[in-house]
Protein backbone atom coordinates (compact mmCIF):
# COMPACT_ATOMS: atom_id res chain seq x y z
CA MET A 1 -16.33 4.00 -22.24
CA GLN A 2 -13.61 1.66 -23.55
CA HIS A 3 -13.18 -1.34 -21.29
CA ASP A 4 -10.04 -3.43 -20.89
CA ILE A 5 -10.29 -6.89 -22.42
CA GLY A 6 -9.39 -10.08 -20.57
CA ARG A 7 -10.15 -13.74 -19.97
CA ILE A 8 -12.92 -13.91 -17.38
CA ALA A 9 -14.52 -16.80 -15.48
CA ILE A 10 -18.06 -16.52 -14.10
CA LEU A 11 -19.04 -18.64 -11.09
CA GLU A 12 -22.81 -18.24 -10.80
CA ASP A 13 -25.43 -20.97 -10.24
CA ASP A 14 -28.44 -18.89 -11.28
CA PRO A 15 -29.08 -19.79 -14.97
CA ILE A 16 -30.63 -16.45 -15.91
CA MET A 17 -27.90 -14.36 -14.27
CA GLY A 18 -25.14 -16.63 -15.57
CA GLU A 19 -26.41 -16.60 -19.16
CA SER A 20 -26.89 -12.83 -19.04
CA LEU A 21 -23.34 -12.21 -17.81
CA LEU A 22 -21.88 -14.66 -20.33
CA GLN A 23 -23.62 -13.00 -23.28
CA ARG A 24 -22.87 -9.42 -22.24
CA LEU A 25 -19.22 -9.97 -21.39
CA THR A 26 -18.70 -11.89 -24.63
CA LEU A 27 -20.23 -8.97 -26.55
CA GLU A 28 -17.80 -6.66 -24.75
CA GLY A 29 -14.95 -8.68 -26.27
CA HIS A 30 -13.91 -10.73 -23.24
CA ARG A 31 -13.11 -14.45 -23.44
CA VAL A 32 -15.56 -15.93 -20.97
CA GLU A 33 -16.16 -19.27 -19.23
CA TRP A 34 -19.20 -19.95 -17.03
CA TRP A 35 -19.26 -22.38 -14.12
CA THR A 36 -22.19 -23.21 -11.85
CA LYS A 37 -20.51 -25.12 -9.00
CA GLY A 38 -17.57 -24.41 -6.71
CA GLU A 39 -15.91 -27.81 -7.26
CA GLN A 40 -16.05 -27.27 -11.01
CA ALA A 41 -14.40 -23.88 -10.57
CA LEU A 42 -11.60 -25.28 -8.41
CA ARG A 43 -10.84 -27.99 -11.01
CA GLN A 44 -10.74 -25.50 -13.88
CA LEU A 45 -8.68 -22.93 -11.97
CA SER A 46 -6.11 -25.56 -10.98
CA ARG A 47 -5.72 -26.57 -14.64
CA ALA A 48 -5.69 -23.00 -15.96
CA ASP A 49 -2.49 -22.12 -14.06
CA GLY A 50 -3.15 -18.37 -13.92
CA ALA A 51 -4.74 -18.14 -17.38
CA PHE A 52 -7.73 -16.16 -16.09
CA ASP A 53 -7.47 -12.43 -15.53
CA LEU A 54 -10.55 -12.30 -13.28
CA VAL A 55 -13.13 -14.54 -11.61
CA ILE A 56 -16.59 -13.05 -11.04
CA CYS A 57 -17.88 -15.14 -8.16
CA ASP A 58 -21.24 -15.44 -6.41
CA ILE A 59 -21.18 -15.93 -2.64
CA ARG A 60 -23.99 -18.50 -2.32
CA LEU A 61 -23.37 -21.62 -4.41
CA PRO A 62 -25.17 -25.00 -4.36
CA ASP A 63 -22.15 -27.02 -3.18
CA MET A 64 -19.92 -24.58 -1.28
CA ASN A 65 -19.38 -20.95 -0.30
CA GLY A 66 -17.77 -18.59 -2.81
CA GLU A 67 -15.28 -17.47 -0.18
CA ASP A 68 -14.14 -21.08 0.21
CA VAL A 69 -13.54 -21.31 -3.54
CA PHE A 70 -11.44 -18.16 -3.34
CA ARG A 71 -9.38 -19.33 -0.37
CA GLN A 72 -8.69 -22.78 -1.84
CA SER A 73 -7.82 -21.50 -5.29
CA SER A 74 -5.54 -18.78 -3.91
CA ARG A 75 -3.22 -21.45 -2.51
CA GLU A 76 -2.25 -22.39 -6.07
CA SER A 77 -2.78 -19.20 -8.08
CA ALA A 78 -3.20 -15.47 -7.65
CA THR A 79 -6.24 -15.07 -9.92
CA PRO A 80 -8.19 -11.96 -8.81
CA PHE A 81 -11.75 -12.45 -7.54
CA LEU A 82 -14.62 -9.97 -7.86
CA PHE A 83 -17.46 -11.06 -5.58
CA MET A 84 -21.18 -10.44 -6.08
CA SER A 85 -23.90 -11.22 -3.59
CA GLY A 86 -27.48 -10.42 -2.75
CA TYR A 87 -26.60 -10.73 0.91
CA GLY A 88 -23.72 -8.25 0.94
CA ASP A 89 -23.05 -5.73 3.65
CA ILE A 90 -20.09 -3.60 4.60
CA ASP A 91 -18.65 -6.15 7.03
CA GLN A 92 -18.63 -8.82 4.36
CA ALA A 93 -17.02 -6.45 1.85
CA VAL A 94 -14.27 -5.57 4.29
CA ARG A 95 -13.64 -9.22 5.17
CA LEU A 96 -13.40 -10.26 1.52
CA MET A 97 -11.07 -7.41 0.63
CA ARG A 98 -8.85 -8.09 3.61
CA SER A 99 -8.65 -11.68 2.40
CA GLY A 100 -7.50 -10.58 -1.03
CA ALA A 101 -10.57 -9.92 -3.19
CA VAL A 102 -10.05 -7.12 -5.70
CA ASP A 103 -13.63 -5.88 -5.57
CA PHE A 104 -17.19 -6.47 -4.36
CA ILE A 105 -20.56 -5.58 -5.87
CA THR A 106 -24.02 -6.08 -4.35
CA LYS A 107 -26.98 -7.51 -6.27
CA PRO A 108 -29.00 -6.15 -7.89
CA PHE A 109 -26.60 -3.99 -9.90
CA GLU A 110 -26.59 -2.12 -13.18
CA MET A 111 -24.59 -3.89 -15.88
CA SER A 112 -22.68 -0.66 -16.55
CA ALA A 113 -21.55 -0.59 -12.92
CA LEU A 114 -20.26 -4.17 -13.17
CA LEU A 115 -18.46 -3.39 -16.44
CA ASP A 116 -16.72 -0.46 -14.77
CA ARG A 117 -15.65 -2.67 -11.85
CA ILE A 118 -14.35 -5.30 -14.27
CA SER A 119 -12.41 -2.71 -16.23
CA THR A 120 -10.86 -1.33 -13.02
CA SER A 121 -9.87 -4.83 -11.90
CA LEU A 122 -8.32 -5.66 -15.27
CA ARG A 123 -6.36 -2.41 -15.30
CA ALA A 124 -4.91 -3.48 -11.95
CA ARG A 125 -3.19 -6.48 -13.55
CA PRO A 126 0.57 -6.53 -12.83
CA ALA A 127 1.51 -5.53 -16.38
CA GLY A 128 -0.54 -2.37 -16.12
CA ALA A 129 -0.34 -1.67 -12.41
CA VAL A 130 0.92 1.54 -10.91
CA GLU A 131 4.70 1.37 -10.75
CA GLY A 132 5.74 0.36 -7.26
CA GLY A 133 7.85 2.54 -5.07
CA LEU A 134 7.46 1.17 -1.57
CA GLY A 135 10.10 -1.56 -1.62
CA ILE A 136 11.17 -4.92 -3.00
CA SER A 137 10.63 -6.92 0.20
CA ARG A 138 7.71 -9.31 0.47
CA ALA A 139 6.15 -7.14 3.19
CA MET A 140 6.17 -4.00 1.07
CA ARG A 141 5.03 -5.83 -2.06
CA ASP A 142 2.11 -7.13 -0.01
CA ALA A 143 1.40 -3.57 1.17
CA GLU A 144 1.36 -2.37 -2.45
CA MET A 145 -1.04 -5.16 -3.40
CA ILE A 146 -3.35 -4.24 -0.53
CA LEU A 147 -3.29 -0.56 -1.48
CA ARG A 148 -4.16 -1.42 -5.09
CA ARG A 149 -7.14 -3.47 -3.86
CA TYR A 150 -8.29 -0.58 -1.70
CA ALA A 151 -7.80 2.03 -4.43
CA SER A 152 -11.19 1.75 -6.12
CA HIS A 153 -13.26 1.93 -2.91
CA PRO A 154 -14.46 5.02 -1.00
CA LEU A 155 -13.98 3.53 2.49
CA PRO A 156 -11.43 5.13 4.86
CA VAL A 157 -7.93 3.65 4.97
CA LEU A 158 -5.76 3.55 8.10
CA ILE A 159 -1.99 3.17 7.58
CA GLN A 160 -0.04 2.20 10.69
CA GLY A 161 3.69 1.91 11.23
CA GLU A 162 6.65 3.39 13.03
CA THR A 163 7.75 6.95 12.30
CA GLY A 164 9.59 7.12 8.99
CA THR A 165 8.34 3.83 7.51
CA GLY A 166 6.71 5.56 4.52
CA LYS A 167 3.10 6.11 5.55
CA GLU A 168 2.61 9.29 3.50
CA VAL A 169 4.41 7.72 0.53
CA SER A 170 1.94 4.83 0.79
CA ALA A 171 -1.01 7.22 0.95
CA ARG A 172 0.21 8.99 -2.20
CA PHE A 173 0.66 5.60 -3.87
CA LEU A 174 -2.98 4.82 -3.05
CA HIS A 175 -4.00 8.19 -4.49
CA GLN A 176 -2.16 7.55 -7.77
CA ALA A 177 -3.58 4.01 -8.04
CA SER A 178 -7.16 5.23 -7.61
CA GLY A 179 -9.62 6.98 -9.87
CA ARG A 180 -9.01 10.12 -7.81
CA ALA A 181 -5.46 10.56 -9.13
CA GLY A 182 -6.51 13.69 -11.04
CA SER A 183 -8.07 15.23 -7.92
CA PRO A 184 -6.28 16.92 -5.00
CA PHE A 185 -4.25 15.11 -2.36
CA MET A 186 -4.41 17.27 0.76
CA ALA A 187 -2.05 16.26 3.58
CA VAL A 188 -2.61 17.45 7.14
CA ASN A 189 -0.14 16.66 9.92
CA CYS A 190 -2.29 16.62 13.04
CA ALA A 191 0.79 16.67 15.29
CA ALA A 192 2.44 19.67 13.59
CA ILE A 193 -0.48 22.11 13.79
CA PRO A 194 -1.31 23.63 17.23
CA ALA A 195 -4.52 22.19 18.64
CA GLU A 196 -6.22 25.59 18.76
CA LEU A 197 -5.60 26.10 15.01
CA LEU A 198 -6.24 22.57 13.74
CA GLU A 199 -10.03 22.90 13.48
CA SER A 200 -9.75 26.09 11.44
CA GLU A 201 -7.10 24.51 9.18
CA LEU A 202 -9.21 21.41 8.68
CA PHE A 203 -12.67 22.93 8.20
CA GLY A 204 -11.85 26.55 7.33
CA HIS A 205 -13.40 29.74 8.72
CA GLU A 206 -15.44 32.75 7.64
CA LYS A 207 -14.12 36.29 7.75
CA GLY A 208 -14.56 37.61 11.29
CA ALA A 209 -15.17 34.16 12.81
CA PHE A 210 -12.58 34.95 15.50
CA THR A 211 -9.94 37.50 16.31
CA GLY A 212 -7.43 37.54 13.48
CA ALA A 213 -9.76 35.97 10.91
CA HIS A 214 -9.42 38.82 8.41
CA GLN A 215 -10.62 36.89 5.37
CA LEU A 216 -12.41 33.74 4.26
CA HIS A 217 -10.25 30.61 4.65
CA ARG A 218 -11.12 27.32 2.95
CA GLY A 219 -9.89 24.38 4.98
CA TYR A 220 -8.24 21.16 3.89
CA ALA A 221 -11.56 19.27 3.87
CA GLU A 222 -12.97 21.73 1.35
CA ARG A 223 -9.83 22.03 -0.78
CA ALA A 224 -9.58 18.24 -1.04
CA GLY A 225 -12.65 18.30 -3.30
CA ASP A 226 -13.37 14.76 -4.49
CA GLY A 227 -9.75 13.70 -3.95
CA ILE A 228 -8.07 12.43 -0.79
CA LEU A 229 -7.86 14.07 2.62
CA PHE A 230 -4.77 12.58 4.28
CA LEU A 231 -4.72 12.98 8.05
CA ASP A 232 -1.20 12.17 9.19
CA GLU A 233 -0.54 11.37 12.86
CA ILE A 234 -4.28 11.04 13.47
CA GLY A 235 -3.48 9.66 16.93
CA ASP A 236 -2.45 13.19 18.00
CA MET A 237 -5.78 14.76 17.02
CA PRO A 238 -7.38 16.49 20.06
CA PRO A 239 -10.46 14.68 21.45
CA PRO A 240 -12.91 17.54 20.68
CA LEU A 241 -11.84 17.49 17.05
CA GLN A 242 -12.17 13.70 16.94
CA VAL A 243 -15.88 14.21 17.67
CA LYS A 244 -16.21 16.63 14.75
CA LEU A 245 -14.33 14.30 12.42
CA LEU A 246 -16.71 11.49 13.35
CA ARG A 247 -19.66 13.77 12.63
CA LEU A 248 -18.11 14.70 9.28
CA MET A 249 -17.90 11.03 8.32
CA GLU A 250 -21.44 10.27 9.47
CA ASP A 251 -23.11 13.34 7.93
CA GLY A 252 -20.95 13.78 4.84
CA ARG A 253 -20.83 17.54 5.40
CA PHE A 254 -19.22 20.17 7.60
CA HIS A 255 -19.36 23.88 8.48
CA ARG A 256 -16.66 26.49 8.32
CA LEU A 257 -16.07 28.18 11.66
CA GLY A 258 -18.46 31.11 11.92
CA SER A 259 -20.91 29.72 9.34
CA GLU A 260 -24.16 27.78 9.54
CA THR A 261 -24.09 26.81 5.85
CA PRO A 262 -23.30 23.09 5.38
CA ILE A 263 -20.63 22.17 2.85
CA PRO A 264 -20.77 18.67 1.31
CA PHE A 265 -17.69 16.54 1.92
CA LYS A 266 -16.76 14.44 -1.13
CA ALA A 267 -13.18 13.40 -0.42
CA ARG A 268 -11.92 10.03 0.74
CA ILE A 269 -10.28 9.96 4.16
CA VAL A 270 -6.90 8.26 4.53
CA CYS A 271 -5.20 8.34 7.93
CA ALA A 272 -1.80 7.40 9.31
CA THR A 273 -0.40 6.98 12.80
CA HIS A 274 2.54 5.45 14.64
CA HIS A 275 0.35 5.01 17.73
CA ASP A 276 -1.69 1.88 18.47
CA ILE A 277 -4.93 3.84 18.55
CA GLY A 278 -7.02 0.68 18.67
CA SER A 279 -5.54 -0.60 21.94
CA GLU A 280 -7.44 -0.57 25.21
CA ALA A 281 -4.85 1.81 26.67
CA SER A 282 -5.35 4.38 23.93
CA THR A 283 -7.49 7.45 24.64
CA PHE A 284 -8.44 7.72 20.98
CA ARG A 285 -12.20 7.45 20.44
CA LYS A 286 -13.06 3.83 19.74
CA ASP A 287 -16.08 4.63 17.55
CA LEU A 288 -13.90 6.87 15.37
CA TYR A 289 -11.15 4.26 15.25
CA PHE A 290 -13.56 1.62 13.95
CA ARG A 291 -14.76 4.00 11.23
CA LEU A 292 -11.24 4.98 10.19
CA SER A 293 -9.82 1.45 10.20
CA ALA A 294 -12.31 -0.08 7.77
CA LEU A 295 -9.40 -0.83 5.40
CA PRO A 296 -6.13 -1.20 7.36
CA VAL A 297 -2.53 -1.31 6.14
CA SER A 298 0.48 -2.07 8.34
CA LEU A 299 4.03 -1.06 7.34
CA PRO A 300 6.91 -2.95 9.00
CA PRO A 301 10.05 -1.13 10.19
CA LEU A 302 13.09 -1.05 7.91
CA ARG A 303 15.09 -3.30 10.24
CA ASP A 304 12.62 -6.11 9.55
CA ARG A 305 13.02 -5.85 5.77
CA PRO A 306 16.78 -5.52 5.11
CA GLU A 307 16.39 -6.28 1.40
CA ASP A 308 14.81 -2.81 1.03
CA ILE A 309 17.80 -0.92 2.49
CA LEU A 310 20.13 -0.79 -0.52
CA TRP A 311 17.23 -0.54 -2.97
CA LEU A 312 15.83 2.50 -1.16
CA ALA A 313 19.30 4.00 -0.73
CA GLN A 314 19.94 3.88 -4.48
CA ARG A 315 16.58 5.46 -5.27
CA PHE A 316 17.05 8.19 -2.68
CA LEU A 317 20.56 8.97 -3.90
CA GLU A 318 19.40 9.23 -7.52
CA GLU A 319 16.68 11.68 -6.50
CA ILE A 320 19.17 13.72 -4.43
CA MET A 321 21.68 13.92 -7.30
CA GLN A 322 18.95 15.30 -9.57
CA VAL A 323 18.33 18.32 -7.35
CA ARG A 324 21.72 18.91 -5.71
CA GLU A 325 25.20 19.65 -7.05
CA THR A 326 27.39 16.97 -5.54
CA PRO A 327 30.50 15.00 -6.52
CA VAL A 328 28.85 11.84 -5.15
CA ARG A 329 27.97 9.31 -7.85
CA GLY A 330 27.37 6.15 -5.87
CA ILE A 331 27.72 4.18 -2.65
CA GLY A 332 30.89 2.29 -1.82
CA VAL A 333 30.88 -1.36 -0.81
CA LEU A 334 32.02 -0.55 2.74
CA ALA A 335 29.21 1.99 3.08
CA GLU A 336 26.72 -0.62 1.86
CA ASP A 337 28.00 -3.03 4.50
CA ALA A 338 27.61 -0.34 7.15
CA MET A 339 24.03 0.36 6.04
CA LEU A 340 23.14 -3.31 6.19
CA GLU A 341 24.48 -3.54 9.74
CA HIS A 342 22.77 -0.36 11.01
CA PRO A 343 19.44 -0.90 12.90
CA TRP A 344 17.72 2.17 11.36
CA PRO A 345 15.64 3.34 14.32
CA GLY A 346 14.39 6.21 12.16
CA ASN A 347 13.51 3.87 9.28
CA ALA A 348 13.44 5.11 5.67
CA ARG A 349 13.33 8.75 6.76
CA GLU A 350 16.62 8.34 8.63
CA LEU A 351 18.11 6.62 5.57
CA ARG A 352 17.19 9.53 3.32
CA ASN A 353 18.39 12.14 5.81
CA ARG A 354 21.78 10.44 6.14
CA LEU A 355 22.14 10.26 2.37
CA GLU A 356 21.19 13.93 1.94
CA ARG A 357 23.75 15.02 4.53
CA ALA A 358 26.43 12.77 3.03
CA ALA A 359 25.76 14.07 -0.50
CA ALA A 360 26.04 17.65 0.76
CA LEU A 361 29.29 17.18 2.68
CA SER A 362 31.23 14.40 1.00
CA GLU A 363 33.97 15.20 -1.52
CA ASN A 364 34.29 11.63 -2.75
CA PRO A 365 32.55 10.09 -5.78
CA LEU A 366 31.65 7.01 -3.71
CA LEU A 367 30.18 7.38 -0.23
CA MET A 368 32.14 5.82 2.61
CA PRO A 369 30.88 4.67 6.04
CA ALA A 370 32.15 7.87 7.69
CA ASP A 371 30.07 9.94 5.24
CA LEU A 372 26.88 8.21 6.30
CA PHE A 373 27.64 7.61 9.96
CA PRO A 374 29.90 10.45 11.18
CA ASP A 375 28.20 10.21 14.58
CA LYS A 376 29.38 6.66 15.16
CA ALA A 377 32.42 6.14 17.35
CA PRO A 378 35.15 3.88 15.98
CA SER A 379 34.19 0.28 16.55
CA PRO A 380 36.16 -1.66 19.14
CA PRO A 381 38.29 -4.50 17.82
CA ALA A 382 35.92 -7.20 16.67
CA GLN A 383 35.97 -10.56 18.32
CA VAL A 384 37.49 -13.22 16.12
CA GLY A 385 34.70 -15.35 14.72
CA THR A 386 34.75 -18.56 12.77
CA LEU A 387 35.34 -18.70 9.04
CA SER A 388 31.82 -20.08 8.73
CA ASP A 389 30.35 -17.00 10.45
CA ALA A 390 32.38 -14.69 8.21
CA ARG A 391 31.29 -16.58 5.09
CA ASP A 392 27.63 -16.45 6.13
CA ALA A 393 27.80 -12.70 6.76
CA ALA A 394 29.44 -12.10 3.39
CA GLU A 395 26.92 -14.29 1.57
CA ARG A 396 24.00 -12.51 3.23
CA ARG A 397 25.31 -9.09 2.20
CA GLN A 398 25.89 -10.27 -1.37
CA ILE A 399 22.38 -11.71 -1.61
CA LEU A 400 20.90 -8.43 -0.40
CA ARG A 401 22.98 -6.56 -2.99
CA ALA A 402 21.76 -8.86 -5.76
CA LEU A 403 18.13 -8.47 -4.72
CA SER A 404 18.52 -4.70 -4.66
CA ALA A 405 20.16 -4.65 -8.10
CA THR A 406 17.43 -6.84 -9.65
CA GLY A 407 14.46 -5.20 -7.99
CA GLY A 408 13.66 -8.31 -5.97
CA GLN A 409 13.57 -10.73 -8.93
CA ILE A 410 14.64 -14.06 -7.44
CA SER A 411 15.48 -15.78 -10.74
CA GLN A 412 17.54 -12.87 -12.01
CA ALA A 413 19.31 -12.49 -8.66
CA ALA A 414 20.17 -16.20 -8.72
CA ARG A 415 21.72 -15.81 -12.18
CA GLU A 416 23.74 -12.80 -11.02
CA LEU A 417 25.01 -14.81 -8.04
CA GLY A 418 25.79 -17.90 -10.12
CA VAL A 419 23.51 -20.25 -8.17
CA SER A 420 20.24 -22.01 -8.85
CA ARG A 421 16.94 -20.44 -7.87
CA THR A 422 16.38 -23.25 -5.33
CA THR A 423 19.80 -22.68 -3.76
CA LEU A 424 19.10 -18.95 -3.47
CA TRP A 425 15.73 -19.61 -1.81
CA GLU A 426 17.37 -21.96 0.67
CA LYS A 427 20.07 -19.44 1.56
CA MET A 428 17.50 -16.64 1.88
CA ALA A 429 15.47 -18.76 4.30
CA ARG A 430 18.62 -19.56 6.26
CA PHE A 431 19.62 -15.90 6.55
CA GLY A 432 16.10 -14.65 7.35
CA ILE A 433 15.55 -12.85 4.02
CA GLU A 434 11.89 -13.15 3.05
CA GLY A 435 12.15 -12.37 -0.64
CA GLY A 436 10.46 -9.84 -2.84
CA GLY A 437 7.22 -11.69 -3.54
CA ARG A 438 7.19 -10.45 -7.15
CA SER A 439 5.66 -12.82 -9.64
CA GLU A 440 8.08 -14.15 -12.23
CA THR A 441 7.61 -15.86 -15.53
């Protein structure tokens, strides 16, 4: 197997292990440095200024904990960490990954397994990462980063967020970023299938298993193969089926209805819900929730990330124009202003639906506010505000337009706006715009 090449730092105090890793990784073509103490690593990482593609870090060090090295170094750089430990367990792996580690391997390990993990981590570098599609806001960039970290692991993922925030899009992003991209992605909406049919749809049934079962039916769990089984709106799954899903996860196998023959389950489970299924008030099984939420992702509503509105609108409109005959070729400035002022209770799904309807009905090349919001009554005469308020509102809209046009690149947006990067950051902070969080060179 051909492995990606990079500059790698090893933080390992054991002389035999350290020497072994140094020699093998050097033979593989990597540029390698070996450190034995945490303080040494922190000094070198602060001087390197992002020059390392990966740090392979032991947990137990003579002078400090490996996690402390990671947390302190991450304040100054975003160098990925792959942890190794002889004391590892699932709780530690989850904690490290939630903190930002790209991977985790437990000693003792085969060198081939470590090489594969290294190669996966190096392929996840920004230059070679899966092209983003969730948004340009800091929150959605963070969500993409988390999903990339989760991609190489078999643990369940739970995606939470309001209806229409892009939970299935995020699950598909995870699928494409993982080694399962060539395997099936089977999506099941637990709220859309009647409760009495959901078990059969999920696990399948044999011919004659019940009235109307005229032939063998393979369920989603079986058809997912070694890919991803996406359970959307998991919070609406009936309690009896929650028990069977828990058993599936514990046993790694299931039965079709009407059969006693076990079928191995090889897929990875990814779930989504707009409910707070982990709250005390929720009737969702707590033991199942803890299994499903091993790797959590939270998606904020569109109203909390306004810099994504125009960026998403342009992407949606381009996709719509590819499949529909329409005279619409763009979005007018007044329509953009109206979109930036709308609260979007239906989130990105509402945005796409409004654009699809406008593209189908409008006869203008540029969409106007009435095309997107025909249900809105004419606004009452606005109260006269100060010139300062009007200038702030106009500046905020123009900054959001620039961020959308540049894909969230702060430096490029500043050049487009004719201001310094520092000035743009100050204005973004003043107007409550978080920024895209994309690294820039």
